[in-house]
Amino acid sequence: MKIRVQTTIGIQCAAGVFFGTTDWIKGRTVQLRSPVTVRPNDEITLKLELPNGGEWLLARARVLKTADGDVGEASRVLARISSMSPEHRNQLHAFLERSARGPKVMPRRSGETIPLHEPSVSMSSDGRNLIVKWTDPRAFRRDWALHLSRGRLPAYGSPPHRRAFMMCVMMPDGYVTKFPAEIGETLRDGWLVRFLVPHGAYNRMRDFAEDHKRRVV
C-alpha cells in the first residue's frame, strides 16, 4: 500500500548533498522529488523525515528510474532502499503500519483570521543571511504545520544569487535560531527555501507551536 508522506528528504549523491521532497513510500520503495539529476542504478543515501516531525531515518538506496518534472519543478525519482540500521528499519515499518490503518484526525480550525503578511522575509545586503520573522503566534503555528516542520518555506520574489546561505528564524516569543539553508524549487510567484532544522531548535519551535495550540483550543 502506498503511503503518501510529503516531507523533506536529504539526498546525498556523487554531486553532493541536496534537499528534496518525499511523495510516497511503499514497502522499501520511495518516490521523491530531487533538485539534482541522478540516474538509474546510482547509489544514494537518503535522510528521510517522518511526518510526526520527530524522527529522521537514514537509508542507502538504489535509483530504479527517473522522470523529468515540469518546467521549474524537481525531477521524480523512484528508489529502492537497500540497507538501513535495524532501529531505523523498525521505525519505518511501524510508521507504515500506523499509516495504513486509516486517516489521521485533522485538528479543529480556529475561526480567527491569520495575517497573511507574515512572516516578513528579507535577505541581508551581502546575500549571506535570510531573515524570517514572525510576530503573531497564530501565523507561526500555521507556518510550522504547513512548512517549517517539513524543512521548507515559500518565499515571494526572486531567489538570491547565492544558492546556499544562513537562515535566521525569529519567533513571536523572541527566540532566535540560525541554520544553513538553500534555494529549492521555483514556484509560480517565488521560490522555495529548503533546510534541515537542528534538533534543539526543532524541539523549541515545535513546543512553542503545540503549547500555543493547546492554550488556544
N, C-alpha and C. Protein backbone atom coordinates (compact mmCIF):
# COMPACT_ATOMS: atom_id res chain seq x y z
N MET A 1 0.84 -1.20 0.00
CA MET A 1 0.00 0.00 0.00
C MET A 1 0.88 1.25 0.00
N LYS A 2 0.59 2.18 -0.92
CA LYS A 2 1.35 3.42 -0.96
C LYS A 2 0.92 4.34 0.18
N ILE A 3 1.90 4.85 0.92
CA ILE A 3 1.64 5.80 1.98
C ILE A 3 2.18 7.15 1.54
N ARG A 4 1.29 8.12 1.35
CA ARG A 4 1.72 9.45 0.94
C ARG A 4 2.33 10.17 2.14
N VAL A 5 3.49 10.81 1.90
CA VAL A 5 4.26 11.36 3.01
C VAL A 5 4.39 12.88 2.92
N GLN A 6 4.91 13.42 1.82
CA GLN A 6 5.08 14.86 1.63
C GLN A 6 5.91 15.51 2.74
N THR A 7 7.12 15.03 2.92
CA THR A 7 8.04 15.62 3.88
C THR A 7 9.39 15.85 3.22
N THR A 8 10.26 16.56 3.92
CA THR A 8 11.60 16.85 3.40
C THR A 8 12.47 15.59 3.43
N ILE A 9 13.33 15.46 2.43
CA ILE A 9 14.26 14.34 2.39
C ILE A 9 15.63 14.86 1.97
N GLY A 10 16.66 14.44 2.68
CA GLY A 10 18.02 14.76 2.30
C GLY A 10 18.54 13.73 1.32
N ILE A 11 19.21 14.17 0.27
CA ILE A 11 19.70 13.27 -0.78
C ILE A 11 21.19 13.48 -0.93
N GLN A 12 21.98 12.44 -0.63
CA GLN A 12 23.43 12.51 -0.82
C GLN A 12 23.79 11.63 -2.00
N CYS A 13 24.43 12.25 -3.01
CA CYS A 13 24.84 11.51 -4.19
C CYS A 13 26.24 11.99 -4.59
N ALA A 14 26.69 11.59 -5.75
CA ALA A 14 28.05 11.95 -6.17
C ALA A 14 28.22 13.46 -6.32
N ALA A 15 27.13 14.19 -6.60
CA ALA A 15 27.21 15.63 -6.81
C ALA A 15 27.19 16.42 -5.51
N GLY A 16 26.87 15.77 -4.39
CA GLY A 16 26.83 16.48 -3.12
C GLY A 16 25.57 16.14 -2.33
N VAL A 17 25.19 17.03 -1.42
CA VAL A 17 24.01 16.84 -0.58
C VAL A 17 22.96 17.87 -0.99
N PHE A 18 21.72 17.39 -1.19
CA PHE A 18 20.64 18.25 -1.64
C PHE A 18 19.38 17.93 -0.84
N PHE A 19 18.39 18.81 -0.92
CA PHE A 19 17.12 18.60 -0.23
C PHE A 19 16.01 18.42 -1.25
N GLY A 20 15.21 17.38 -1.06
CA GLY A 20 14.06 17.13 -1.92
C GLY A 20 12.81 16.92 -1.10
N THR A 21 11.79 16.35 -1.72
CA THR A 21 10.52 16.09 -1.05
C THR A 21 10.10 14.66 -1.32
N THR A 22 9.65 13.97 -0.30
CA THR A 22 9.13 12.61 -0.46
C THR A 22 7.69 12.67 -0.94
N ASP A 23 7.34 11.88 -1.96
CA ASP A 23 5.96 11.78 -2.43
C ASP A 23 5.22 10.65 -1.70
N TRP A 24 5.79 9.45 -1.77
CA TRP A 24 5.15 8.31 -1.11
C TRP A 24 6.17 7.21 -0.84
N ILE A 25 5.77 6.29 0.05
CA ILE A 25 6.59 5.13 0.39
C ILE A 25 5.71 3.89 0.28
N LYS A 26 6.22 2.84 -0.32
CA LYS A 26 5.53 1.56 -0.38
C LYS A 26 6.55 0.47 -0.11
N GLY A 27 6.50 -0.10 1.10
CA GLY A 27 7.49 -1.09 1.47
C GLY A 27 8.87 -0.47 1.51
N ARG A 28 9.77 -0.95 0.65
CA ARG A 28 11.12 -0.39 0.56
C ARG A 28 11.30 0.57 -0.61
N THR A 29 10.21 0.86 -1.32
CA THR A 29 10.27 1.75 -2.48
C THR A 29 9.82 3.15 -2.10
N VAL A 30 10.58 4.14 -2.54
CA VAL A 30 10.30 5.53 -2.22
C VAL A 30 10.26 6.34 -3.51
N GLN A 31 9.21 7.16 -3.68
CA GLN A 31 9.22 8.14 -4.76
C GLN A 31 9.47 9.50 -4.16
N LEU A 32 10.40 10.24 -4.74
CA LEU A 32 10.77 11.54 -4.21
C LEU A 32 10.99 12.53 -5.34
N ARG A 33 11.03 13.81 -4.97
CA ARG A 33 11.34 14.89 -5.91
C ARG A 33 12.75 15.36 -5.61
N SER A 34 13.60 15.35 -6.62
CA SER A 34 15.01 15.68 -6.42
C SER A 34 15.42 16.87 -7.27
N PRO A 35 16.10 17.87 -6.66
CA PRO A 35 16.59 19.01 -7.43
C PRO A 35 17.87 18.71 -8.20
N VAL A 36 18.47 17.55 -7.91
CA VAL A 36 19.72 17.17 -8.58
C VAL A 36 19.46 15.96 -9.46
N THR A 37 20.17 15.88 -10.58
CA THR A 37 19.98 14.78 -11.51
C THR A 37 20.70 13.52 -11.03
N VAL A 38 19.96 12.44 -10.93
CA VAL A 38 20.54 11.12 -10.65
C VAL A 38 20.08 10.18 -11.76
N ARG A 39 20.77 9.05 -11.88
CA ARG A 39 20.47 8.11 -12.97
C ARG A 39 20.13 6.74 -12.41
N PRO A 40 19.38 5.94 -13.17
CA PRO A 40 19.09 4.58 -12.73
C PRO A 40 20.36 3.83 -12.36
N ASN A 41 20.28 3.08 -11.26
CA ASN A 41 21.36 2.28 -10.68
C ASN A 41 22.34 3.09 -9.84
N ASP A 42 22.17 4.42 -9.77
CA ASP A 42 23.00 5.22 -8.87
C ASP A 42 22.73 4.82 -7.42
N GLU A 43 23.78 4.75 -6.62
CA GLU A 43 23.64 4.51 -5.18
C GLU A 43 23.57 5.86 -4.47
N ILE A 44 22.55 6.07 -3.67
CA ILE A 44 22.39 7.33 -2.96
C ILE A 44 22.09 7.05 -1.48
N THR A 45 22.32 8.06 -0.65
CA THR A 45 21.97 7.98 0.76
C THR A 45 20.81 8.95 1.02
N LEU A 46 19.79 8.48 1.70
CA LEU A 46 18.61 9.28 1.98
C LEU A 46 18.49 9.56 3.47
N LYS A 47 18.13 10.79 3.81
CA LYS A 47 17.78 11.14 5.18
C LYS A 47 16.31 11.52 5.15
N LEU A 48 15.48 10.59 5.57
CA LEU A 48 14.03 10.69 5.39
C LEU A 48 13.36 11.17 6.66
N GLU A 49 12.54 12.22 6.53
CA GLU A 49 11.78 12.74 7.66
C GLU A 49 10.41 12.08 7.70
N LEU A 50 10.00 11.60 8.88
CA LEU A 50 8.65 11.09 9.04
C LEU A 50 7.72 12.24 9.41
N PRO A 51 6.43 12.15 9.06
CA PRO A 51 5.51 13.27 9.24
C PRO A 51 5.31 13.73 10.68
N ASN A 52 5.64 12.90 11.66
CA ASN A 52 5.47 13.36 13.04
C ASN A 52 6.50 14.41 13.43
N GLY A 53 7.50 14.65 12.56
CA GLY A 53 8.47 15.70 12.80
C GLY A 53 9.54 15.37 13.81
N GLY A 54 9.47 14.21 14.45
CA GLY A 54 10.43 13.90 15.49
C GLY A 54 11.44 12.83 15.11
N GLU A 55 11.29 12.26 13.90
CA GLU A 55 12.16 11.15 13.52
C GLU A 55 12.77 11.38 12.14
N TRP A 56 14.07 11.09 12.05
CA TRP A 56 14.79 11.11 10.78
C TRP A 56 15.43 9.75 10.60
N LEU A 57 15.24 9.17 9.42
CA LEU A 57 15.74 7.83 9.15
C LEU A 57 16.80 7.89 8.05
N LEU A 58 17.91 7.20 8.26
CA LEU A 58 18.97 7.13 7.26
C LEU A 58 18.86 5.80 6.51
N ALA A 59 19.06 5.86 5.20
CA ALA A 59 18.96 4.65 4.39
C ALA A 59 19.84 4.76 3.16
N ARG A 60 20.41 3.64 2.77
CA ARG A 60 21.08 3.55 1.48
C ARG A 60 20.04 3.07 0.48
N ALA A 61 20.08 3.61 -0.74
CA ALA A 61 19.08 3.24 -1.73
C ALA A 61 19.70 3.21 -3.13
N ARG A 62 19.04 2.48 -4.02
CA ARG A 62 19.46 2.41 -5.42
C ARG A 62 18.35 3.02 -6.28
N VAL A 63 18.72 3.91 -7.19
CA VAL A 63 17.76 4.56 -8.07
C VAL A 63 17.22 3.54 -9.08
N LEU A 64 15.90 3.41 -9.17
CA LEU A 64 15.28 2.50 -10.12
C LEU A 64 14.96 3.19 -11.44
N LYS A 65 14.33 4.35 -11.35
CA LYS A 65 14.01 5.12 -12.57
C LYS A 65 13.82 6.59 -12.21
N THR A 66 13.91 7.43 -13.21
CA THR A 66 13.73 8.88 -13.01
C THR A 66 12.84 9.43 -14.11
N ALA A 67 12.25 10.59 -13.85
CA ALA A 67 11.43 11.27 -14.85
C ALA A 67 11.57 12.77 -14.62
N ASP A 68 11.79 13.51 -15.70
CA ASP A 68 11.92 14.96 -15.59
C ASP A 68 10.59 15.56 -15.15
N GLY A 69 10.69 16.58 -14.25
CA GLY A 69 9.49 17.29 -13.83
C GLY A 69 9.11 18.34 -14.85
N ASP A 70 7.99 19.03 -14.59
CA ASP A 70 7.59 20.14 -15.45
C ASP A 70 8.60 21.26 -15.33
N VAL A 71 8.48 22.27 -16.18
CA VAL A 71 9.42 23.40 -16.17
C VAL A 71 9.41 24.04 -14.78
N GLY A 72 10.61 24.19 -14.21
CA GLY A 72 10.74 24.80 -12.90
C GLY A 72 10.49 23.86 -11.73
N GLU A 73 10.22 22.59 -12.01
CA GLU A 73 9.96 21.62 -10.95
C GLU A 73 11.08 20.60 -10.88
N ALA A 74 11.17 19.95 -9.70
CA ALA A 74 12.20 18.95 -9.49
C ALA A 74 11.85 17.65 -10.23
N SER A 75 12.86 16.83 -10.48
CA SER A 75 12.65 15.54 -11.14
C SER A 75 12.04 14.53 -10.18
N ARG A 76 11.27 13.61 -10.72
CA ARG A 76 10.74 12.50 -9.92
C ARG A 76 11.75 11.36 -9.94
N VAL A 77 11.99 10.79 -8.79
CA VAL A 77 12.95 9.69 -8.66
C VAL A 77 12.29 8.54 -7.92
N LEU A 78 12.39 7.36 -8.47
CA LEU A 78 11.91 6.15 -7.81
C LEU A 78 13.13 5.38 -7.33
N ALA A 79 13.22 5.13 -6.04
CA ALA A 79 14.40 4.46 -5.47
C ALA A 79 13.95 3.33 -4.55
N ARG A 80 14.81 2.34 -4.43
CA ARG A 80 14.53 1.20 -3.55
C ARG A 80 15.57 1.15 -2.45
N ILE A 81 15.11 1.13 -1.21
CA ILE A 81 16.01 1.09 -0.07
C ILE A 81 16.74 -0.25 -0.04
N SER A 82 18.06 -0.17 0.05
CA SER A 82 18.87 -1.39 0.06
C SER A 82 19.36 -1.76 1.46
N SER A 83 19.56 -0.75 2.31
CA SER A 83 20.04 -1.05 3.66
C SER A 83 19.66 0.08 4.63
N MET A 84 19.36 -0.32 5.85
CA MET A 84 19.06 0.60 6.95
C MET A 84 19.53 -0.05 8.23
N SER A 85 19.73 0.75 9.26
CA SER A 85 20.03 0.17 10.56
C SER A 85 18.76 -0.51 11.08
N PRO A 86 18.89 -1.56 11.92
CA PRO A 86 17.70 -2.23 12.46
C PRO A 86 16.74 -1.26 13.14
N GLU A 87 17.28 -0.29 13.88
CA GLU A 87 16.42 0.66 14.59
C GLU A 87 15.60 1.49 13.61
N HIS A 88 16.25 2.03 12.58
CA HIS A 88 15.54 2.85 11.62
C HIS A 88 14.57 2.03 10.77
N ARG A 89 14.94 0.78 10.48
CA ARG A 89 14.03 -0.09 9.73
C ARG A 89 12.76 -0.36 10.53
N ASN A 90 12.91 -0.59 11.83
CA ASN A 90 11.75 -0.83 12.69
C ASN A 90 10.87 0.42 12.78
N GLN A 91 11.50 1.59 12.86
CA GLN A 91 10.73 2.84 12.91
C GLN A 91 9.94 3.05 11.63
N LEU A 92 10.55 2.74 10.49
CA LEU A 92 9.86 2.89 9.22
C LEU A 92 8.69 1.92 9.12
N HIS A 93 8.91 0.67 9.50
CA HIS A 93 7.83 -0.32 9.44
C HIS A 93 6.68 0.08 10.35
N ALA A 94 7.00 0.57 11.55
CA ALA A 94 5.96 0.98 12.49
C ALA A 94 5.15 2.15 11.92
N PHE A 95 5.83 3.11 11.29
CA PHE A 95 5.14 4.25 10.68
C PHE A 95 4.21 3.79 9.56
N LEU A 96 4.69 2.90 8.69
CA LEU A 96 3.87 2.43 7.58
C LEU A 96 2.65 1.66 8.08
N GLU A 97 2.83 0.88 9.13
CA GLU A 97 1.69 0.13 9.68
C GLU A 97 0.65 1.07 10.28
N ARG A 98 1.11 2.10 11.02
CA ARG A 98 0.17 3.07 11.60
C ARG A 98 -0.58 3.81 10.51
N SER A 99 0.14 4.21 9.47
CA SER A 99 -0.48 5.00 8.41
C SER A 99 -1.49 4.18 7.62
N ALA A 100 -1.27 2.86 7.51
CA ALA A 100 -2.16 2.01 6.72
C ALA A 100 -3.49 1.74 7.42
N ARG A 101 -3.56 2.02 8.71
CA ARG A 101 -4.78 1.70 9.46
C ARG A 101 -5.93 2.63 9.15
N GLY A 102 -5.64 3.85 8.74
CA GLY A 102 -6.74 4.76 8.45
C GLY A 102 -6.29 6.20 8.47
N PRO A 103 -7.19 7.11 8.10
CA PRO A 103 -6.85 8.53 8.04
C PRO A 103 -6.61 9.12 9.41
N LYS A 104 -5.79 10.13 9.44
CA LYS A 104 -5.49 10.81 10.69
C LYS A 104 -6.60 11.81 11.01
N VAL A 105 -6.79 12.10 12.28
CA VAL A 105 -7.77 13.08 12.70
C VAL A 105 -7.20 14.48 12.48
N MET A 106 -7.94 15.31 11.75
CA MET A 106 -7.47 16.66 11.47
C MET A 106 -7.84 17.58 12.62
N PRO A 107 -6.96 18.49 13.02
CA PRO A 107 -7.27 19.41 14.11
C PRO A 107 -8.38 20.38 13.74
N ARG A 108 -9.10 20.87 14.74
CA ARG A 108 -10.13 21.86 14.51
C ARG A 108 -9.51 23.18 14.06
N ARG A 109 -10.20 23.88 13.21
CA ARG A 109 -9.70 25.16 12.72
C ARG A 109 -10.31 26.31 13.51
N SER A 110 -9.50 27.27 13.81
CA SER A 110 -9.98 28.45 14.50
C SER A 110 -10.69 29.36 13.52
N GLY A 111 -11.73 30.06 13.98
CA GLY A 111 -12.45 30.97 13.12
C GLY A 111 -11.75 32.30 12.94
N GLU A 112 -10.69 32.55 13.71
CA GLU A 112 -9.99 33.82 13.60
C GLU A 112 -9.13 33.89 12.35
N THR A 113 -9.05 35.06 11.78
CA THR A 113 -8.24 35.27 10.59
C THR A 113 -6.76 35.35 10.96
N ILE A 114 -5.94 34.63 10.24
CA ILE A 114 -4.49 34.66 10.47
C ILE A 114 -3.86 35.63 9.47
N PRO A 115 -3.04 36.55 9.92
CA PRO A 115 -2.46 37.53 9.00
C PRO A 115 -1.62 36.88 7.91
N LEU A 116 -1.93 37.24 6.65
CA LEU A 116 -1.23 36.63 5.53
C LEU A 116 0.10 37.30 5.23
N HIS A 117 0.34 38.48 5.85
CA HIS A 117 1.59 39.18 5.55
C HIS A 117 2.78 38.59 6.31
N GLU A 118 2.53 37.69 7.24
CA GLU A 118 3.63 37.08 7.99
C GLU A 118 3.98 35.71 7.41
N PRO A 119 5.27 35.35 7.48
CA PRO A 119 6.36 36.10 8.11
C PRO A 119 6.93 37.16 7.17
N SER A 120 7.69 38.08 7.75
CA SER A 120 8.46 39.01 6.92
C SER A 120 9.76 38.30 6.55
N VAL A 121 10.12 38.37 5.28
CA VAL A 121 11.31 37.68 4.77
C VAL A 121 12.20 38.70 4.08
N SER A 122 13.45 38.79 4.50
CA SER A 122 14.39 39.73 3.89
C SER A 122 15.78 39.11 3.83
N MET A 123 16.52 39.49 2.82
CA MET A 123 17.88 39.00 2.63
C MET A 123 18.87 40.11 2.97
N SER A 124 19.92 39.76 3.68
CA SER A 124 20.95 40.75 4.01
C SER A 124 21.61 41.25 2.73
N SER A 125 22.23 42.41 2.80
CA SER A 125 22.81 43.04 1.61
C SER A 125 23.91 42.20 0.96
N ASP A 126 24.61 41.40 1.77
CA ASP A 126 25.68 40.57 1.21
C ASP A 126 25.18 39.21 0.71
N GLY A 127 23.87 38.95 0.87
CA GLY A 127 23.29 37.70 0.39
C GLY A 127 23.63 36.48 1.21
N ARG A 128 24.16 36.69 2.41
CA ARG A 128 24.59 35.56 3.24
C ARG A 128 23.54 35.12 4.27
N ASN A 129 22.58 36.00 4.59
CA ASN A 129 21.62 35.70 5.65
C ASN A 129 20.20 36.02 5.21
N LEU A 130 19.34 35.03 5.30
CA LEU A 130 17.92 35.22 5.05
C LEU A 130 17.23 35.35 6.41
N ILE A 131 16.59 36.49 6.66
CA ILE A 131 15.97 36.76 7.96
C ILE A 131 14.45 36.57 7.83
N VAL A 132 13.91 35.65 8.64
CA VAL A 132 12.48 35.33 8.60
C VAL A 132 11.90 35.59 9.99
N LYS A 133 10.90 36.49 10.06
CA LYS A 133 10.41 36.93 11.37
C LYS A 133 8.89 36.82 11.46
N TRP A 134 8.43 36.26 12.60
CA TRP A 134 7.01 36.21 12.92
C TRP A 134 6.76 37.04 14.19
N THR A 135 5.61 37.73 14.24
CA THR A 135 5.20 38.42 15.47
C THR A 135 3.89 37.86 16.00
N ASP A 136 3.10 37.23 15.14
CA ASP A 136 1.81 36.66 15.54
C ASP A 136 1.95 35.16 15.75
N PRO A 137 1.67 34.66 16.97
CA PRO A 137 1.80 33.21 17.22
C PRO A 137 0.94 32.36 16.30
N ARG A 138 -0.23 32.87 15.90
CA ARG A 138 -1.11 32.09 15.02
C ARG A 138 -0.46 31.88 13.65
N ALA A 139 0.20 32.92 13.16
CA ALA A 139 0.88 32.80 11.87
C ALA A 139 2.03 31.81 11.96
N PHE A 140 2.76 31.85 13.09
CA PHE A 140 3.87 30.90 13.24
C PHE A 140 3.34 29.48 13.32
N ARG A 141 2.24 29.28 14.06
CA ARG A 141 1.67 27.94 14.18
C ARG A 141 1.21 27.41 12.83
N ARG A 142 0.61 28.29 12.02
CA ARG A 142 0.20 27.91 10.66
C ARG A 142 1.40 27.48 9.83
N ASP A 143 2.46 28.31 9.85
CA ASP A 143 3.62 28.01 9.01
C ASP A 143 4.43 26.84 9.54
N TRP A 144 4.38 26.59 10.86
CA TRP A 144 5.03 25.41 11.41
C TRP A 144 4.36 24.16 10.87
N ALA A 145 3.03 24.14 10.90
CA ALA A 145 2.30 22.96 10.45
C ALA A 145 2.44 22.73 8.95
N LEU A 146 2.42 23.82 8.17
CA LEU A 146 2.43 23.68 6.71
C LEU A 146 3.82 23.56 6.11
N HIS A 147 4.81 24.24 6.71
CA HIS A 147 6.09 24.37 6.04
C HIS A 147 7.32 24.05 6.91
N LEU A 148 7.47 24.78 8.02
CA LEU A 148 8.72 24.71 8.79
C LEU A 148 9.03 23.30 9.26
N SER A 149 8.03 22.57 9.76
CA SER A 149 8.28 21.23 10.28
C SER A 149 8.73 20.28 9.17
N ARG A 150 8.50 20.66 7.93
CA ARG A 150 8.88 19.83 6.78
C ARG A 150 10.16 20.30 6.11
N GLY A 151 10.78 21.34 6.70
CA GLY A 151 12.05 21.80 6.17
C GLY A 151 11.95 22.62 4.91
N ARG A 152 10.87 23.38 4.78
CA ARG A 152 10.72 24.21 3.59
C ARG A 152 9.85 25.41 3.93
N LEU A 153 10.01 26.49 3.15
CA LEU A 153 9.24 27.70 3.38
C LEU A 153 9.14 28.46 2.07
N PRO A 154 7.93 28.75 1.58
CA PRO A 154 7.78 29.53 0.35
C PRO A 154 8.21 30.98 0.58
N ALA A 155 8.85 31.57 -0.41
CA ALA A 155 9.25 32.98 -0.35
C ALA A 155 8.87 33.64 -1.67
N TYR A 156 8.39 34.88 -1.59
CA TYR A 156 7.99 35.61 -2.79
C TYR A 156 9.19 36.31 -3.43
N GLY A 157 9.04 36.62 -4.71
CA GLY A 157 10.08 37.35 -5.41
C GLY A 157 11.14 36.44 -6.01
N SER A 158 12.27 37.02 -6.34
CA SER A 158 13.38 36.28 -6.96
C SER A 158 14.31 35.73 -5.89
N PRO A 159 14.86 34.54 -6.09
CA PRO A 159 15.80 33.97 -5.13
C PRO A 159 17.11 34.73 -5.12
N PRO A 160 17.92 34.61 -4.06
CA PRO A 160 19.21 35.30 -4.01
C PRO A 160 20.20 34.69 -5.00
N HIS A 161 21.30 35.39 -5.22
CA HIS A 161 22.32 34.90 -6.16
C HIS A 161 23.06 33.71 -5.58
N ARG A 162 23.22 33.67 -4.25
CA ARG A 162 23.89 32.54 -3.61
C ARG A 162 22.90 31.38 -3.48
N ARG A 163 23.32 30.17 -3.85
CA ARG A 163 22.43 29.02 -3.70
C ARG A 163 22.30 28.62 -2.23
N ALA A 164 23.38 28.75 -1.48
CA ALA A 164 23.38 28.38 -0.05
C ALA A 164 23.60 29.64 0.80
N PHE A 165 22.95 29.69 1.94
CA PHE A 165 23.04 30.85 2.83
C PHE A 165 22.61 30.41 4.23
N MET A 166 22.62 31.32 5.17
CA MET A 166 22.15 31.05 6.52
C MET A 166 20.74 31.61 6.67
N MET A 167 19.88 30.85 7.33
CA MET A 167 18.51 31.28 7.58
C MET A 167 18.36 31.63 9.06
N CYS A 168 17.97 32.86 9.34
CA CYS A 168 17.79 33.34 10.71
C CYS A 168 16.29 33.41 11.00
N VAL A 169 15.83 32.56 11.91
CA VAL A 169 14.41 32.50 12.27
C VAL A 169 14.18 33.26 13.57
N MET A 170 13.24 34.20 13.54
CA MET A 170 12.88 34.99 14.72
C MET A 170 11.43 34.69 15.06
N MET A 171 11.22 34.02 16.20
CA MET A 171 9.89 33.57 16.60
C MET A 171 9.13 34.66 17.34
N PRO A 172 7.80 34.52 17.49
CA PRO A 172 7.00 35.54 18.17
C PRO A 172 7.39 35.76 19.63
N ASP A 173 7.96 34.74 20.28
CA ASP A 173 8.33 34.90 21.70
C ASP A 173 9.74 35.45 21.88
N GLY A 174 10.40 35.83 20.78
CA GLY A 174 11.73 36.41 20.88
C GLY A 174 12.86 35.42 20.66
N TYR A 175 12.55 34.14 20.56
CA TYR A 175 13.60 33.14 20.33
C TYR A 175 14.17 33.29 18.92
N VAL A 176 15.50 33.23 18.80
CA VAL A 176 16.17 33.37 17.51
C VAL A 176 17.10 32.17 17.30
N THR A 177 17.04 31.60 16.12
CA THR A 177 17.94 30.49 15.79
C THR A 177 18.42 30.66 14.35
N LYS A 178 19.54 30.04 14.04
CA LYS A 178 20.16 30.23 12.73
C LYS A 178 20.71 28.90 12.25
N PHE A 179 20.49 28.58 10.98
CA PHE A 179 20.97 27.31 10.44
C PHE A 179 21.10 27.42 8.92
N PRO A 180 21.86 26.52 8.28
CA PRO A 180 22.06 26.59 6.83
C PRO A 180 20.77 26.32 6.06
N ALA A 181 20.64 26.95 4.91
CA ALA A 181 19.50 26.74 4.02
C ALA A 181 19.98 26.90 2.58
N GLU A 182 19.10 26.53 1.64
CA GLU A 182 19.46 26.65 0.23
C GLU A 182 18.22 26.91 -0.60
N ILE A 183 18.42 27.29 -1.85
CA ILE A 183 17.32 27.52 -2.78
C ILE A 183 16.76 26.18 -3.23
N GLY A 184 15.44 26.03 -3.13
CA GLY A 184 14.76 24.84 -3.60
C GLY A 184 14.13 25.08 -4.96
N GLU A 185 12.93 24.52 -5.16
CA GLU A 185 12.25 24.66 -6.43
C GLU A 185 11.78 26.09 -6.69
N THR A 186 11.57 26.40 -7.95
CA THR A 186 10.96 27.67 -8.35
C THR A 186 9.45 27.54 -8.29
N LEU A 187 8.79 28.48 -7.64
CA LEU A 187 7.34 28.48 -7.55
C LEU A 187 6.76 29.48 -8.54
N ARG A 188 5.44 29.47 -8.67
CA ARG A 188 4.79 30.35 -9.64
C ARG A 188 5.09 31.82 -9.36
N ASP A 189 5.04 32.21 -8.07
CA ASP A 189 5.27 33.61 -7.74
C ASP A 189 6.43 33.80 -6.77
N GLY A 190 7.38 32.87 -6.78
CA GLY A 190 8.51 33.00 -5.89
C GLY A 190 9.42 31.78 -5.95
N TRP A 191 9.89 31.36 -4.80
CA TRP A 191 10.82 30.24 -4.73
C TRP A 191 10.67 29.56 -3.37
N LEU A 192 11.29 28.40 -3.22
CA LEU A 192 11.17 27.61 -2.01
C LEU A 192 12.50 27.58 -1.27
N VAL A 193 12.48 27.92 0.02
CA VAL A 193 13.65 27.81 0.87
C VAL A 193 13.67 26.39 1.44
N ARG A 194 14.80 25.72 1.37
CA ARG A 194 14.91 24.35 1.90
C ARG A 194 15.97 24.32 3.00
N PHE A 195 15.71 23.52 4.03
CA PHE A 195 16.62 23.48 5.18
C PHE A 195 16.32 22.28 6.04
N LEU A 196 17.24 21.95 6.92
CA LEU A 196 17.04 20.94 7.96
C LEU A 196 17.22 21.66 9.29
N VAL A 197 16.16 21.73 10.09
CA VAL A 197 16.22 22.44 11.36
C VAL A 197 17.01 21.59 12.37
N PRO A 198 18.03 22.14 13.02
CA PRO A 198 18.77 21.38 14.04
C PRO A 198 17.84 20.86 15.13
N HIS A 199 18.23 19.75 15.74
CA HIS A 199 17.36 19.05 16.69
C HIS A 199 16.87 19.96 17.82
N GLY A 200 17.79 20.70 18.44
CA GLY A 200 17.41 21.55 19.56
C GLY A 200 16.43 22.63 19.15
N ALA A 201 16.71 23.29 18.03
CA ALA A 201 15.82 24.35 17.54
C ALA A 201 14.48 23.77 17.11
N TYR A 202 14.52 22.57 16.51
CA TYR A 202 13.27 21.91 16.08
C TYR A 202 12.36 21.69 17.29
N ASN A 203 12.92 21.15 18.36
CA ASN A 203 12.11 20.89 19.56
C ASN A 203 11.56 22.19 20.14
N ARG A 204 12.37 23.24 20.14
CA ARG A 204 11.94 24.52 20.68
C ARG A 204 10.79 25.11 19.87
N MET A 205 10.89 25.05 18.55
CA MET A 205 9.85 25.57 17.68
C MET A 205 8.59 24.73 17.77
N ARG A 206 8.75 23.42 17.81
CA ARG A 206 7.58 22.53 17.91
C ARG A 206 6.86 22.75 19.24
N ASP A 207 7.62 22.85 20.33
CA ASP A 207 7.00 23.04 21.65
C ASP A 207 6.22 24.35 21.70
N PHE A 208 6.77 25.40 21.11
CA PHE A 208 6.06 26.69 21.10
C PHE A 208 4.74 26.56 20.33
N ALA A 209 4.80 25.94 19.14
CA ALA A 209 3.60 25.81 18.31
C ALA A 209 2.55 24.95 18.99
N GLU A 210 2.96 23.82 19.58
CA GLU A 210 2.00 22.91 20.19
C GLU A 210 1.47 23.46 21.51
N ASP A 211 2.31 24.13 22.30
CA ASP A 211 1.85 24.70 23.56
C ASP A 211 0.86 25.82 23.29
N HIS A 212 1.14 26.67 22.29
CA HIS A 212 0.21 27.74 21.95
C HIS A 212 -1.11 27.17 21.44
N LYS A 213 -1.02 26.08 20.69
CA LYS A 213 -2.21 25.44 20.16
C LYS A 213 -3.10 24.94 21.30
N ARG A 214 -2.47 24.34 22.31
CA ARG A 214 -3.25 23.82 23.45
C ARG A 214 -3.94 24.95 24.19
N ARG A 215 -3.27 26.10 24.31
CA ARG A 215 -3.86 27.21 25.05
C ARG A 215 -4.98 27.90 24.27
N VAL A 216 -4.89 27.84 22.92
CA VAL A 216 -5.89 28.48 22.08
C VAL A 216 -7.15 27.65 21.98
N VAL A 217 -7.00 26.33 21.83
CA VAL A 217 -8.15 25.45 21.61
C VAL A 217 -9.08 25.45 22.80
